Amino acid sequence: MTNPDPICPLCLRPIPQGVRQSHHHLIPKLKGGKGGETILVHHICHQEVHATLTESELARDYNTPGALRTHPRLATFFRWVSKRPPDFHSRSTGGRRKRKR
């Protein structure tokens, strides 16, 4: 009997073996999360999280899978990607978060 594939806690799709995946630190390493809790996610989901939120926002307000799913932009992305096959991957179009000047 084989173990079922892990489920991405962000888009809720399975993560089959061989699919691009990442470990996301719930508290960014630069904000004190080194050695802290991580979650296994699709690489595309991980890219979108870091393209959308700053390390400070992640540490302060979005340090759980549930909180990440409530962010308006990420919620839209996770709904969209959840309709794609588990091995779907697309290149990120670059950072989308607003830069402070």
N, C-alpha and C. Protein backbone atom coordinates (compact mmCIF):
# COMPACT_ATOMS: atom_id res chain seq x y z
N MET A 1 0.85 -1.18 0.00
CA MET A 1 0.00 0.00 0.00
C MET A 1 0.89 1.24 0.00
N THR A 2 0.64 2.17 -0.91
CA THR A 2 1.45 3.38 -1.00
C THR A 2 0.83 4.49 -0.17
N ASN A 3 1.70 5.36 0.30
CA ASN A 3 1.21 6.51 1.05
C ASN A 3 0.59 7.51 0.09
N PRO A 4 -0.49 8.15 0.48
CA PRO A 4 -1.07 9.17 -0.39
C PRO A 4 -0.12 10.37 -0.49
N ASP A 5 -0.23 11.09 -1.60
CA ASP A 5 0.60 12.28 -1.77
C ASP A 5 0.25 13.31 -0.72
N PRO A 6 1.26 14.06 -0.24
CA PRO A 6 0.94 15.15 0.69
C PRO A 6 0.08 16.20 -0.02
N ILE A 7 -0.66 16.96 0.75
CA ILE A 7 -1.55 18.00 0.22
C ILE A 7 -0.92 19.36 0.52
N CYS A 8 -0.87 20.21 -0.49
CA CYS A 8 -0.39 21.58 -0.29
C CYS A 8 -1.41 22.31 0.58
N PRO A 9 -1.00 22.85 1.73
CA PRO A 9 -1.95 23.52 2.62
C PRO A 9 -2.41 24.88 2.10
N LEU A 10 -1.86 25.32 0.96
CA LEU A 10 -2.26 26.61 0.41
C LEU A 10 -3.31 26.45 -0.69
N CYS A 11 -3.01 25.63 -1.70
CA CYS A 11 -3.96 25.45 -2.81
C CYS A 11 -4.80 24.18 -2.65
N LEU A 12 -4.44 23.35 -1.68
CA LEU A 12 -5.17 22.12 -1.34
C LEU A 12 -5.12 21.05 -2.43
N ARG A 13 -4.13 21.15 -3.34
CA ARG A 13 -3.92 20.11 -4.35
C ARG A 13 -2.87 19.13 -3.83
N PRO A 14 -2.90 17.87 -4.32
CA PRO A 14 -1.85 16.93 -3.94
C PRO A 14 -0.50 17.38 -4.48
N ILE A 15 0.56 16.95 -3.80
CA ILE A 15 1.92 17.22 -4.26
C ILE A 15 2.57 15.87 -4.59
N PRO A 16 2.39 15.38 -5.83
CA PRO A 16 2.96 14.08 -6.18
C PRO A 16 4.49 14.12 -6.17
N GLN A 17 5.07 12.95 -5.97
CA GLN A 17 6.52 12.84 -6.00
C GLN A 17 7.02 13.31 -7.37
N GLY A 18 8.09 14.06 -7.39
CA GLY A 18 8.67 14.56 -8.63
C GLY A 18 8.16 15.92 -9.06
N VAL A 19 7.09 16.41 -8.42
CA VAL A 19 6.57 17.74 -8.74
C VAL A 19 7.41 18.77 -8.00
N ARG A 20 7.64 19.92 -8.64
CA ARG A 20 8.41 20.99 -7.98
C ARG A 20 7.72 21.39 -6.70
N GLN A 21 8.46 21.34 -5.61
CA GLN A 21 7.91 21.63 -4.29
C GLN A 21 8.94 22.40 -3.46
N SER A 22 8.48 23.04 -2.42
CA SER A 22 9.33 23.85 -1.55
C SER A 22 8.87 23.69 -0.11
N HIS A 23 9.78 23.99 0.80
CA HIS A 23 9.43 24.10 2.22
C HIS A 23 9.36 25.59 2.52
N HIS A 24 8.19 26.03 2.97
CA HIS A 24 7.99 27.43 3.31
C HIS A 24 8.10 27.60 4.82
N HIS A 25 8.99 28.49 5.26
CA HIS A 25 9.10 28.82 6.68
C HIS A 25 7.93 29.72 7.06
N LEU A 26 7.13 29.30 8.02
CA LEU A 26 5.99 30.10 8.42
C LEU A 26 6.43 31.44 9.00
N ILE A 27 7.52 31.46 9.73
CA ILE A 27 8.17 32.70 10.14
C ILE A 27 9.45 32.77 9.30
N PRO A 28 9.62 33.80 8.47
CA PRO A 28 10.81 33.87 7.63
C PRO A 28 12.11 33.75 8.45
N LYS A 29 13.09 33.09 7.85
CA LYS A 29 14.37 32.90 8.54
C LYS A 29 14.97 34.24 8.97
N LEU A 30 14.84 35.26 8.13
CA LEU A 30 15.40 36.57 8.45
C LEU A 30 14.67 37.27 9.59
N LYS A 31 13.50 36.77 9.94
CA LYS A 31 12.69 37.36 11.01
C LYS A 31 12.61 36.44 12.23
N GLY A 32 13.60 35.56 12.39
CA GLY A 32 13.65 34.70 13.57
C GLY A 32 13.12 33.29 13.39
N GLY A 33 12.79 32.92 12.15
CA GLY A 33 12.20 31.61 11.91
C GLY A 33 13.18 30.51 11.54
N LYS A 34 14.49 30.80 11.59
CA LYS A 34 15.47 29.76 11.26
C LYS A 34 15.30 28.60 12.23
N GLY A 35 15.12 27.41 11.69
CA GLY A 35 14.89 26.23 12.53
C GLY A 35 13.45 26.10 12.98
N GLY A 36 12.60 27.02 12.54
CA GLY A 36 11.19 26.98 12.93
C GLY A 36 10.36 26.10 12.03
N GLU A 37 9.06 26.14 12.24
CA GLU A 37 8.13 25.28 11.51
C GLU A 37 8.10 25.63 10.02
N THR A 38 8.08 24.59 9.19
CA THR A 38 7.94 24.76 7.75
C THR A 38 6.75 23.94 7.27
N ILE A 39 6.24 24.31 6.10
CA ILE A 39 5.17 23.54 5.47
C ILE A 39 5.63 23.19 4.05
N LEU A 40 5.26 22.01 3.59
CA LEU A 40 5.56 21.58 2.23
C LEU A 40 4.48 22.12 1.31
N VAL A 41 4.90 22.87 0.28
CA VAL A 41 3.97 23.49 -0.65
C VAL A 41 4.47 23.31 -2.08
N HIS A 42 3.57 23.50 -3.05
CA HIS A 42 4.00 23.54 -4.45
C HIS A 42 4.94 24.72 -4.63
N HIS A 43 5.92 24.56 -5.49
CA HIS A 43 6.88 25.64 -5.74
C HIS A 43 6.16 26.88 -6.27
N ILE A 44 5.16 26.70 -7.14
CA ILE A 44 4.44 27.84 -7.70
C ILE A 44 3.69 28.61 -6.59
N CYS A 45 3.15 27.89 -5.62
CA CYS A 45 2.46 28.55 -4.50
C CYS A 45 3.47 29.33 -3.66
N HIS A 46 4.63 28.74 -3.43
CA HIS A 46 5.68 29.39 -2.65
C HIS A 46 6.14 30.67 -3.35
N GLN A 47 6.34 30.59 -4.66
CA GLN A 47 6.76 31.77 -5.41
C GLN A 47 5.74 32.90 -5.28
N GLU A 48 4.46 32.55 -5.37
CA GLU A 48 3.42 33.57 -5.30
C GLU A 48 3.38 34.23 -3.92
N VAL A 49 3.57 33.45 -2.87
CA VAL A 49 3.59 34.01 -1.51
C VAL A 49 4.69 35.07 -1.41
N HIS A 50 5.89 34.73 -1.88
CA HIS A 50 7.01 35.66 -1.74
C HIS A 50 6.97 36.80 -2.75
N ALA A 51 6.25 36.63 -3.86
CA ALA A 51 6.07 37.73 -4.80
C ALA A 51 5.03 38.72 -4.29
N THR A 52 4.19 38.28 -3.37
CA THR A 52 3.08 39.11 -2.90
C THR A 52 3.38 39.81 -1.57
N LEU A 53 4.05 39.11 -0.66
CA LEU A 53 4.22 39.63 0.71
C LEU A 53 5.69 39.84 1.05
N THR A 54 5.93 40.83 1.89
CA THR A 54 7.28 41.08 2.39
C THR A 54 7.57 40.11 3.54
N GLU A 55 8.83 39.99 3.90
CA GLU A 55 9.22 39.15 5.03
C GLU A 55 8.54 39.64 6.31
N SER A 56 8.45 40.95 6.48
CA SER A 56 7.81 41.51 7.68
C SER A 56 6.33 41.17 7.73
N GLU A 57 5.64 41.28 6.59
CA GLU A 57 4.21 40.92 6.54
C GLU A 57 4.01 39.45 6.85
N LEU A 58 4.89 38.61 6.30
CA LEU A 58 4.80 37.17 6.57
C LEU A 58 4.97 36.89 8.05
N ALA A 59 5.96 37.49 8.68
CA ALA A 59 6.23 37.24 10.10
C ALA A 59 5.11 37.78 10.99
N ARG A 60 4.61 38.95 10.66
CA ARG A 60 3.65 39.64 11.53
C ARG A 60 2.21 39.13 11.34
N ASP A 61 1.76 39.03 10.08
CA ASP A 61 0.34 38.80 9.84
C ASP A 61 -0.02 37.51 9.10
N TYR A 62 0.93 36.91 8.43
CA TYR A 62 0.62 35.77 7.56
C TYR A 62 1.52 34.58 7.88
N ASN A 63 1.53 34.16 9.15
CA ASN A 63 2.45 33.10 9.58
C ASN A 63 1.77 31.76 9.81
N THR A 64 0.60 31.57 9.20
CA THR A 64 -0.08 30.27 9.22
C THR A 64 -0.64 30.03 7.81
N PRO A 65 -0.85 28.77 7.44
CA PRO A 65 -1.46 28.52 6.14
C PRO A 65 -2.84 29.18 6.01
N GLY A 66 -3.63 29.15 7.08
CA GLY A 66 -4.95 29.77 7.05
C GLY A 66 -4.88 31.27 6.81
N ALA A 67 -3.94 31.93 7.46
CA ALA A 67 -3.78 33.37 7.27
C ALA A 67 -3.34 33.67 5.83
N LEU A 68 -2.44 32.87 5.29
CA LEU A 68 -2.00 33.08 3.91
C LEU A 68 -3.18 32.95 2.94
N ARG A 69 -4.06 31.99 3.20
CA ARG A 69 -5.21 31.78 2.32
C ARG A 69 -6.22 32.93 2.40
N THR A 70 -6.17 33.74 3.47
CA THR A 70 -7.11 34.86 3.59
C THR A 70 -6.64 36.13 2.89
N HIS A 71 -5.36 36.21 2.53
CA HIS A 71 -4.88 37.41 1.85
C HIS A 71 -5.61 37.50 0.50
N PRO A 72 -6.21 38.66 0.19
CA PRO A 72 -7.05 38.75 -1.01
C PRO A 72 -6.36 38.30 -2.31
N ARG A 73 -5.16 38.77 -2.55
CA ARG A 73 -4.46 38.40 -3.79
C ARG A 73 -4.11 36.91 -3.79
N LEU A 74 -3.61 36.42 -2.66
CA LEU A 74 -3.24 35.00 -2.59
C LEU A 74 -4.47 34.11 -2.68
N ALA A 75 -5.57 34.51 -2.06
CA ALA A 75 -6.80 33.72 -2.14
C ALA A 75 -7.24 33.56 -3.59
N THR A 76 -7.16 34.63 -4.36
CA THR A 76 -7.51 34.57 -5.78
C THR A 76 -6.56 33.63 -6.52
N PHE A 77 -5.27 33.75 -6.24
CA PHE A 77 -4.29 32.87 -6.90
C PHE A 77 -4.53 31.41 -6.52
N PHE A 78 -4.73 31.12 -5.24
CA PHE A 78 -4.91 29.73 -4.81
C PHE A 78 -6.18 29.13 -5.42
N ARG A 79 -7.24 29.92 -5.54
CA ARG A 79 -8.46 29.44 -6.20
C ARG A 79 -8.16 29.11 -7.67
N TRP A 80 -7.43 29.99 -8.34
CA TRP A 80 -7.09 29.79 -9.75
C TRP A 80 -6.22 28.55 -9.94
N VAL A 81 -5.15 28.46 -9.16
CA VAL A 81 -4.21 27.34 -9.35
C VAL A 81 -4.82 26.02 -8.90
N SER A 82 -5.79 26.05 -8.02
CA SER A 82 -6.42 24.80 -7.55
C SER A 82 -7.15 24.08 -8.68
N LYS A 83 -7.45 24.79 -9.75
CA LYS A 83 -8.12 24.19 -10.91
C LYS A 83 -7.12 23.61 -11.91
N ARG A 84 -5.84 23.72 -11.63
CA ARG A 84 -4.78 23.21 -12.51
C ARG A 84 -4.34 21.84 -12.02
N PRO A 85 -3.72 21.05 -12.90
CA PRO A 85 -3.20 19.74 -12.46
C PRO A 85 -2.12 19.92 -11.38
N PRO A 86 -1.91 18.92 -10.52
CA PRO A 86 -0.92 19.04 -9.45
C PRO A 86 0.49 19.34 -9.93
N ASP A 87 0.82 18.95 -11.18
CA ASP A 87 2.18 19.20 -11.67
C ASP A 87 2.28 20.51 -12.46
N PHE A 88 1.21 21.33 -12.46
CA PHE A 88 1.23 22.60 -13.19
C PHE A 88 2.27 23.52 -12.58
N HIS A 89 3.05 24.14 -13.46
CA HIS A 89 4.01 25.14 -13.02
C HIS A 89 4.15 26.19 -14.11
N SER A 90 4.21 27.41 -13.73
CA SER A 90 4.37 28.52 -14.65
C SER A 90 5.40 29.46 -14.07
N ARG A 91 6.15 30.08 -14.93
CA ARG A 91 7.13 31.06 -14.45
C ARG A 91 6.41 32.26 -13.86
N SER A 92 6.92 32.74 -12.76
CA SER A 92 6.35 33.93 -12.13
C SER A 92 6.63 35.13 -13.01
N THR A 93 5.72 36.08 -13.03
CA THR A 93 5.92 37.29 -13.82
C THR A 93 6.72 38.33 -13.06
N GLY A 94 7.27 37.95 -11.92
CA GLY A 94 8.07 38.89 -11.14
C GLY A 94 7.33 39.38 -9.91
N GLY A 95 8.03 40.17 -9.13
CA GLY A 95 7.45 40.67 -7.89
C GLY A 95 6.25 41.55 -8.14
N ARG A 96 5.25 41.42 -7.30
CA ARG A 96 4.03 42.20 -7.44
C ARG A 96 3.80 43.10 -6.24
N ARG A 97 4.53 42.88 -5.18
CA ARG A 97 4.26 43.68 -3.98
C ARG A 97 4.78 45.11 -4.20
N LYS A 98 4.15 46.01 -3.54
CA LYS A 98 4.51 47.42 -3.68
C LYS A 98 5.80 47.67 -2.92
N ARG A 99 6.71 48.31 -3.58
CA ARG A 99 8.00 48.67 -2.97
C ARG A 99 7.87 50.04 -2.32
N LYS A 100 8.44 50.16 -1.13
CA LYS A 100 8.45 51.47 -0.47
C LYS A 100 9.65 52.24 -0.96
N ARG A 101 9.43 53.51 -1.26
CA ARG A 101 10.54 54.35 -1.75
C ARG A 101 10.94 55.35 -0.73
